[in-house]
N, C-alpha and C. Protein backbone atom coordinates (compact mmCIF):
# COMPACT_ATOMS: atom_id res chain seq x y z
N MET A 1 -174.00 81.43 46.84
CA MET A 1 -175.23 82.39 46.11
C MET A 1 -175.87 80.93 45.81
N ARG A 2 -177.49 81.24 45.49
CA ARG A 2 -178.13 79.90 45.82
C ARG A 2 -178.84 80.82 44.10
N HIS A 3 -179.42 79.28 43.19
CA HIS A 3 -180.04 79.68 42.14
C HIS A 3 -180.91 78.91 42.23
N PHE A 4 -182.28 79.82 41.54
CA PHE A 4 -183.19 79.68 42.07
C PHE A 4 -184.21 79.40 40.61
N THR A 5 -185.08 78.36 40.32
CA THR A 5 -185.48 77.74 39.09
C THR A 5 -187.71 79.39 39.54
N ARG A 6 -187.58 79.89 39.25
CA ARG A 6 -188.75 80.85 39.50
C ARG A 6 -189.93 80.23 38.76
N PRO A 7 -190.91 79.92 39.35
CA PRO A 7 -192.21 79.88 38.90
C PRO A 7 -192.58 80.72 37.57
N SER A 8 -193.89 80.43 36.65
CA SER A 8 -194.55 80.88 35.83
C SER A 8 -194.56 82.70 36.08
N ASN A 9 -194.82 83.49 35.80
CA ASN A 9 -195.13 84.49 35.95
C ASN A 9 -196.54 85.08 36.27
N ASP A 10 -197.09 84.27 35.05
CA ASP A 10 -198.26 83.84 35.09
C ASP A 10 -198.78 82.80 35.58
N LEU A 11 -200.18 82.65 36.60
CA LEU A 11 -200.23 81.71 37.46
C LEU A 11 -201.43 80.62 36.99
N SER A 12 -201.00 80.56 35.24
CA SER A 12 -202.20 79.94 35.09
C SER A 12 -201.46 78.40 35.05
N HIS A 13 -199.94 78.17 36.09
CA HIS A 13 -199.90 76.75 36.77
C HIS A 13 -198.97 76.86 37.92
N PRO A 14 -199.52 77.26 38.71
CA PRO A 14 -198.47 77.32 39.66
C PRO A 14 -198.00 76.09 39.97
N SER A 15 -196.99 76.16 41.15
CA SER A 15 -196.21 75.41 41.64
C SER A 15 -196.88 75.08 43.19
N VAL A 16 -196.43 73.63 43.16
CA VAL A 16 -197.01 73.38 44.75
C VAL A 16 -196.03 72.24 45.37
N LEU A 17 -195.49 72.58 46.24
CA LEU A 17 -194.25 71.38 46.96
C LEU A 17 -195.61 70.73 48.13
N ILE A 18 -195.54 69.28 48.00
CA ILE A 18 -196.70 68.46 49.16
C ILE A 18 -195.48 67.81 49.82
N VAL A 19 -195.17 68.03 51.01
CA VAL A 19 -195.02 67.59 52.11
C VAL A 19 -195.64 66.70 52.28
N ASN A 20 -195.04 65.35 52.58
CA ASN A 20 -196.05 64.28 53.47
C ASN A 20 -195.30 62.78 53.07
N PRO A 21 -195.03 62.16 54.11
CA PRO A 21 -194.85 60.91 54.27
C PRO A 21 -195.47 59.75 53.46
N ASP A 22 -197.14 60.08 53.16
CA ASP A 22 -198.02 58.80 52.94
C ASP A 22 -198.12 59.12 51.59
N PRO A 23 -197.66 57.91 50.73
CA PRO A 23 -197.69 57.98 49.43
C PRO A 23 -199.45 57.79 48.55
N ASP A 24 -200.05 57.51 49.46
CA ASP A 24 -201.29 57.60 48.65
C ASP A 24 -202.11 58.66 48.74
N MET A 25 -201.79 59.57 49.91
CA MET A 25 -201.91 60.79 50.13
C MET A 25 -201.29 61.62 49.31
N CYS A 26 -200.58 61.64 48.87
CA CYS A 26 -199.90 62.53 47.69
C CYS A 26 -199.71 61.88 46.84
N LEU A 27 -200.66 60.89 46.45
CA LEU A 27 -200.78 60.31 44.62
C LEU A 27 -202.46 61.41 45.18
N GLY A 28 -203.23 61.13 46.08
CA GLY A 28 -204.36 62.13 45.84
C GLY A 28 -204.36 63.38 45.92
N LEU A 29 -203.51 63.91 46.20
CA LEU A 29 -203.46 65.68 46.27
C LEU A 29 -202.36 66.21 45.14
N THR A 30 -201.91 65.25 44.59
CA THR A 30 -201.45 65.55 43.13
C THR A 30 -202.28 65.36 42.08
N ASP A 31 -202.99 63.66 42.02
CA ASP A 31 -204.58 64.42 40.65
C ASP A 31 -204.90 65.32 41.19
N GLY A 32 -204.90 65.37 42.10
CA GLY A 32 -206.23 66.78 42.38
C GLY A 32 -206.04 67.90 42.10
N LEU A 33 -204.82 68.15 42.39
CA LEU A 33 -204.26 69.24 42.12
C LEU A 33 -203.49 69.97 40.37
N THR A 34 -203.19 68.36 39.90
CA THR A 34 -202.29 68.65 38.43
C THR A 34 -203.96 68.67 37.66
N THR A 35 -205.19 67.93 37.66
CA THR A 35 -205.92 68.08 37.00
C THR A 35 -206.79 69.68 37.32
N ASN A 36 -206.41 70.61 37.99
CA ASN A 36 -206.83 72.10 38.49
C ASN A 36 -205.64 72.89 37.67
N GLY A 37 -204.71 71.94 37.78
CA GLY A 37 -203.99 73.17 36.95
C GLY A 37 -202.76 73.55 36.88
N TYR A 38 -202.13 73.03 38.39
CA TYR A 38 -200.87 73.12 39.43
C TYR A 38 -199.89 72.09 38.98
N HIS A 39 -198.78 72.92 38.91
CA HIS A 39 -197.62 72.17 39.02
C HIS A 39 -197.04 71.66 40.18
N VAL A 40 -196.85 70.07 40.54
CA VAL A 40 -197.02 69.85 41.90
C VAL A 40 -196.06 68.50 42.02
N GLU A 41 -194.58 68.65 42.73
CA GLU A 41 -193.46 68.27 43.45
C GLU A 41 -193.76 67.72 44.59
N VAL A 42 -192.97 66.53 45.13
CA VAL A 42 -193.56 65.70 46.69
C VAL A 42 -192.15 65.87 47.40
N ALA A 43 -191.83 65.77 48.60
CA ALA A 43 -191.33 65.53 49.35
C ALA A 43 -191.40 65.09 50.69
N GLN A 44 -190.89 63.24 50.40
CA GLN A 44 -191.66 63.10 52.06
C GLN A 44 -191.11 62.87 53.35
N ASP A 45 -190.19 64.06 53.53
CA ASP A 45 -189.65 64.55 54.88
C ASP A 45 -189.17 65.90 54.92
N GLY A 46 -188.85 66.27 56.02
CA GLY A 46 -188.30 67.43 56.27
C GLY A 46 -187.30 67.92 55.35
N LYS A 47 -186.18 66.97 55.39
CA LYS A 47 -184.47 67.75 54.94
C LYS A 47 -184.80 67.24 53.74
N THR A 48 -185.95 66.36 52.83
CA THR A 48 -185.98 67.00 51.04
C THR A 48 -186.85 68.24 51.01
N CYS A 49 -187.95 68.65 51.96
CA CYS A 49 -188.62 69.61 51.61
C CYS A 49 -187.66 70.90 51.55
N LEU A 50 -186.74 70.95 52.67
CA LEU A 50 -185.73 72.09 52.76
C LEU A 50 -184.54 71.82 51.32
N GLN A 51 -184.59 70.71 51.20
CA GLN A 51 -183.80 70.48 49.71
C GLN A 51 -184.33 71.25 48.12
N ARG A 52 -185.08 71.04 48.66
CA ARG A 52 -186.54 71.27 47.04
C ARG A 52 -186.55 72.79 47.15
N ILE A 53 -187.03 73.35 48.43
CA ILE A 53 -187.03 74.61 48.23
C ILE A 53 -185.71 75.17 48.41
N HIS A 54 -184.65 75.16 47.97
CA HIS A 54 -183.88 75.83 48.28
C HIS A 54 -183.23 76.08 46.60
N GLU A 55 -183.77 74.76 45.70
CA GLU A 55 -183.52 74.32 44.61
C GLU A 55 -183.97 75.54 43.83
N ARG A 56 -185.28 75.39 44.25
CA ARG A 56 -186.50 76.66 43.28
C ARG A 56 -187.19 76.75 43.96
N VAL A 57 -188.17 78.43 43.27
CA VAL A 57 -189.29 78.79 44.26
C VAL A 57 -190.47 78.13 44.00
N PHE A 58 -191.38 78.13 44.88
CA PHE A 58 -192.76 77.39 44.76
C PHE A 58 -193.87 78.08 44.88
N ASN A 59 -195.05 78.22 44.92
CA ASN A 59 -195.78 79.51 44.67
C ASN A 59 -197.02 78.96 46.13
N ALA A 60 -196.76 77.64 46.76
CA ALA A 60 -197.37 77.21 48.20
C ALA A 60 -196.30 75.93 48.41
N VAL A 61 -196.94 75.44 49.19
CA VAL A 61 -196.55 74.14 50.31
C VAL A 61 -197.55 74.05 51.05
N LEU A 62 -197.85 72.35 50.66
CA LEU A 62 -198.87 71.66 51.81
C LEU A 62 -198.10 70.97 52.60
N LEU A 63 -198.40 70.93 53.84
CA LEU A 63 -197.40 70.75 54.97
C LEU A 63 -197.80 69.69 55.56
N SER A 64 -198.19 68.48 55.49
CA SER A 64 -198.38 67.39 56.41
C SER A 64 -197.81 67.94 58.28
N GLU A 65 -198.57 67.14 59.11
CA GLU A 65 -198.17 67.95 60.68
C GLU A 65 -197.20 66.79 61.00
N HIS A 66 -197.06 65.38 60.33
CA HIS A 66 -196.36 64.44 60.61
C HIS A 66 -195.50 64.14 59.62
N LEU A 67 -193.94 64.30 59.91
CA LEU A 67 -193.25 63.95 59.05
C LEU A 67 -191.96 62.91 60.09
N PRO A 68 -191.91 61.85 59.35
CA PRO A 68 -190.62 60.91 59.76
C PRO A 68 -189.91 61.31 60.22
N ASP A 69 -188.84 62.96 59.99
CA ASP A 69 -187.88 63.23 60.44
C ASP A 69 -187.53 64.48 61.31
N GLN A 70 -188.68 64.89 61.14
CA GLN A 70 -189.47 66.24 62.43
C GLN A 70 -190.04 66.74 62.42
N ASP A 71 -190.42 67.48 63.38
CA ASP A 71 -191.60 67.72 63.53
C ASP A 71 -192.17 69.21 62.56
N ALA A 72 -193.49 69.26 62.16
CA ALA A 72 -193.86 70.10 61.00
C ALA A 72 -193.56 71.41 61.57
N LEU A 73 -193.95 71.96 62.53
CA LEU A 73 -193.85 72.92 62.91
C LEU A 73 -192.40 73.86 62.89
N SER A 74 -191.52 73.11 63.32
CA SER A 74 -190.00 73.38 63.02
C SER A 74 -189.37 73.81 62.01
N LEU A 75 -190.31 73.26 60.83
CA LEU A 75 -190.05 73.12 59.68
C LEU A 75 -190.22 74.86 58.42
N LEU A 76 -191.59 75.50 59.48
CA LEU A 76 -191.89 77.02 59.10
C LEU A 76 -190.73 78.08 58.94
N GLU A 77 -190.15 77.95 60.39
CA GLU A 77 -188.94 79.13 60.05
C GLU A 77 -187.79 78.62 59.08
N PRO A 78 -187.41 78.03 59.27
CA PRO A 78 -186.02 77.42 57.47
C PRO A 78 -187.02 77.97 56.12
N ILE A 79 -188.19 77.49 56.27
CA ILE A 79 -189.50 77.68 55.21
C ILE A 79 -188.74 78.98 54.70
N HIS A 80 -189.01 79.48 55.95
CA HIS A 80 -189.69 80.71 55.50
C HIS A 80 -188.34 81.84 55.52
N SER A 81 -186.80 81.37 55.69
CA SER A 81 -185.68 81.81 56.16
C SER A 81 -185.15 82.00 54.76
N SER A 82 -185.62 80.59 53.57
CA SER A 82 -185.31 80.62 52.34
C SER A 82 -186.09 81.35 51.42
N GLN A 83 -187.14 81.32 51.69
CA GLN A 83 -188.53 81.98 50.91
C GLN A 83 -189.27 82.57 51.67
N ALA A 84 -189.36 84.00 52.21
CA ALA A 84 -190.12 84.79 53.31
C ALA A 84 -191.57 85.10 52.87
N THR A 85 -192.17 84.99 51.47
CA THR A 85 -193.51 84.88 51.41
C THR A 85 -193.90 84.12 50.91
N LEU A 86 -193.29 82.88 51.16
CA LEU A 86 -194.13 81.42 50.90
C LEU A 86 -195.17 80.90 51.58
N PRO A 87 -196.41 81.05 50.55
CA PRO A 87 -197.23 80.42 51.58
C PRO A 87 -197.53 79.13 52.40
N VAL A 88 -197.63 78.24 53.74
CA VAL A 88 -197.22 77.15 53.84
C VAL A 88 -198.92 76.90 54.09
N ILE A 89 -199.48 75.44 54.26
CA ILE A 89 -200.64 75.21 54.16
C ILE A 89 -200.69 74.51 55.14
N LEU A 90 -201.00 74.02 56.16
CA LEU A 90 -200.47 72.43 57.45
C LEU A 90 -201.55 72.10 57.15
N LEU A 91 -201.69 70.55 56.57
CA LEU A 91 -202.48 69.88 56.73
C LEU A 91 -202.50 68.97 58.48
N THR A 92 -203.41 68.60 58.45
CA THR A 92 -203.48 68.54 59.88
C THR A 92 -204.99 67.22 60.45
N VAL A 93 -204.95 66.34 61.14
CA VAL A 93 -205.70 65.57 61.70
C VAL A 93 -206.51 65.99 62.90
N SER A 94 -205.82 66.78 63.77
CA SER A 94 -205.73 67.10 65.16
C SER A 94 -206.54 68.19 65.40
N GLY A 95 -207.10 69.36 64.70
CA GLY A 95 -207.67 70.12 64.64
C GLY A 95 -207.03 71.29 64.39
N PRO A 96 -207.40 72.79 64.45
CA PRO A 96 -206.44 74.07 63.96
C PRO A 96 -205.59 74.27 64.96
N SER A 97 -204.52 74.36 64.34
CA SER A 97 -203.47 75.05 65.50
C SER A 97 -202.97 76.32 65.49
N PRO A 98 -203.50 76.77 66.82
CA PRO A 98 -202.93 78.26 66.66
C PRO A 98 -201.53 78.32 66.15
N SER A 99 -200.48 77.66 67.11
CA SER A 99 -199.35 77.72 67.26
C SER A 99 -198.28 77.28 65.53
N ALA A 100 -199.22 76.89 64.78
CA ALA A 100 -198.75 77.13 63.38
C ALA A 100 -198.44 78.34 62.78
N LEU A 101 -200.30 79.00 62.81
CA LEU A 101 -200.65 80.31 62.65
C LEU A 101 -199.41 81.60 63.43
N GLN A 102 -199.40 81.21 64.45
CA GLN A 102 -198.40 82.13 64.65
C GLN A 102 -196.96 81.93 64.64
N ARG A 103 -196.27 80.64 64.02
CA ARG A 103 -195.49 80.79 63.84
C ARG A 103 -195.25 80.69 62.07
N GLY A 104 -196.21 81.12 61.44
CA GLY A 104 -196.25 81.76 60.01
C GLY A 104 -197.00 80.97 59.14
N ALA A 105 -197.47 79.83 59.50
CA ALA A 105 -198.29 79.16 58.44
C ALA A 105 -199.51 80.19 57.80
N PHE A 106 -199.92 79.67 56.86
CA PHE A 106 -200.70 80.79 56.30
C PHE A 106 -202.20 79.96 56.42
N ALA A 107 -202.31 78.92 56.35
CA ALA A 107 -203.73 78.34 56.73
C ALA A 107 -203.35 76.89 57.74
N VAL A 108 -204.28 76.82 58.27
CA VAL A 108 -204.50 75.28 58.72
C VAL A 108 -205.90 74.52 58.23
N LEU A 109 -205.54 73.12 57.74
CA LEU A 109 -206.51 72.47 56.57
C LEU A 109 -206.77 70.87 57.47
N LEU A 110 -207.80 71.17 58.04
CA LEU A 110 -208.42 69.81 58.93
C LEU A 110 -208.68 68.29 58.03
N LEU A 111 -208.26 67.48 57.54
CA LEU A 111 -208.01 66.43 57.37
C LEU A 111 -209.24 65.54 57.70
N PRO A 112 -210.13 64.79 57.34
CA PRO A 112 -210.48 64.82 55.55
C PRO A 112 -210.61 66.16 55.33
N TYR A 113 -210.12 66.64 53.80
CA TYR A 113 -210.24 67.68 53.03
C TYR A 113 -211.31 67.67 52.73
N GLU A 114 -212.38 68.79 51.92
CA GLU A 114 -212.99 69.26 50.54
C GLU A 114 -211.68 69.85 49.64
N ARG A 115 -211.86 68.84 48.84
CA ARG A 115 -211.26 69.80 47.26
C ARG A 115 -211.71 70.80 46.84
N ASP A 116 -212.61 70.99 47.13
CA ASP A 116 -213.03 72.94 46.69
C ASP A 116 -212.37 73.74 47.80
N GLU A 117 -212.40 73.16 49.27
CA GLU A 117 -211.83 74.10 50.08
C GLU A 117 -209.87 73.97 50.05
N LEU A 118 -209.66 73.00 49.90
CA LEU A 118 -208.23 73.13 49.57
C LEU A 118 -208.00 73.98 48.31
N LEU A 119 -208.97 73.79 47.24
CA LEU A 119 -208.01 74.67 46.40
C LEU A 119 -208.65 76.00 46.26
N HIS A 120 -209.67 76.50 47.19
CA HIS A 120 -210.13 77.73 47.53
C HIS A 120 -209.01 78.36 48.26
N ILE A 121 -208.17 77.15 49.17
CA ILE A 121 -207.36 78.05 50.03
C ILE A 121 -206.03 78.19 49.74
N LEU A 122 -205.81 77.21 48.71
CA LEU A 122 -204.67 77.30 47.72
C LEU A 122 -204.39 78.65 46.90
N GLN A 123 -205.83 78.99 46.35
CA GLN A 123 -205.63 80.25 45.34
C GLN A 123 -205.94 81.33 46.23
N LYS A 124 -206.20 81.39 47.54
CA LYS A 124 -205.94 82.67 47.63
C LYS A 124 -204.62 82.80 48.58
N ALA A 125 -204.03 81.91 48.56
CA ALA A 125 -202.55 81.66 49.38
C ALA A 125 -201.64 82.37 47.83
N ILE A 126 -201.80 81.59 47.05
CA ILE A 126 -201.21 82.17 46.17
C ILE A 126 -201.83 83.82 45.05
N GLY A 127 -202.89 83.80 45.31
CA GLY A 127 -203.26 85.18 45.25
C GLY A 127 -203.87 85.01 43.79
N GLN A 128 -204.96 83.99 43.56
CA GLN A 128 -204.98 84.16 42.18
C GLN A 128 -206.61 84.57 42.16
């Protein structure tokens, strides 16, 4: 039996898992999200992402398309096996990915992103 730490029922501080190997990108995303009231955790690879998702429940995941240990699209199935309704937003430099949406990604965000666009997508994903 797995034990999850649930996020607060009031979505004033929703939790987001950032999965990205680039420390500068993680720092920028973390700063922008925490400034806007989000609780943020970071994983730099797929293995750590899955460990974090098994440990607790997140309100959303920001998933980089390029990870050092596996293809980001291959993570969508195990993420949704652990938390079926968890919205995953794929961050990409190569443009929209129909296969990501077909595999269950909530949205695909083209980098470089506009902060307001990211916040809008997160709000929509979380249901705020």
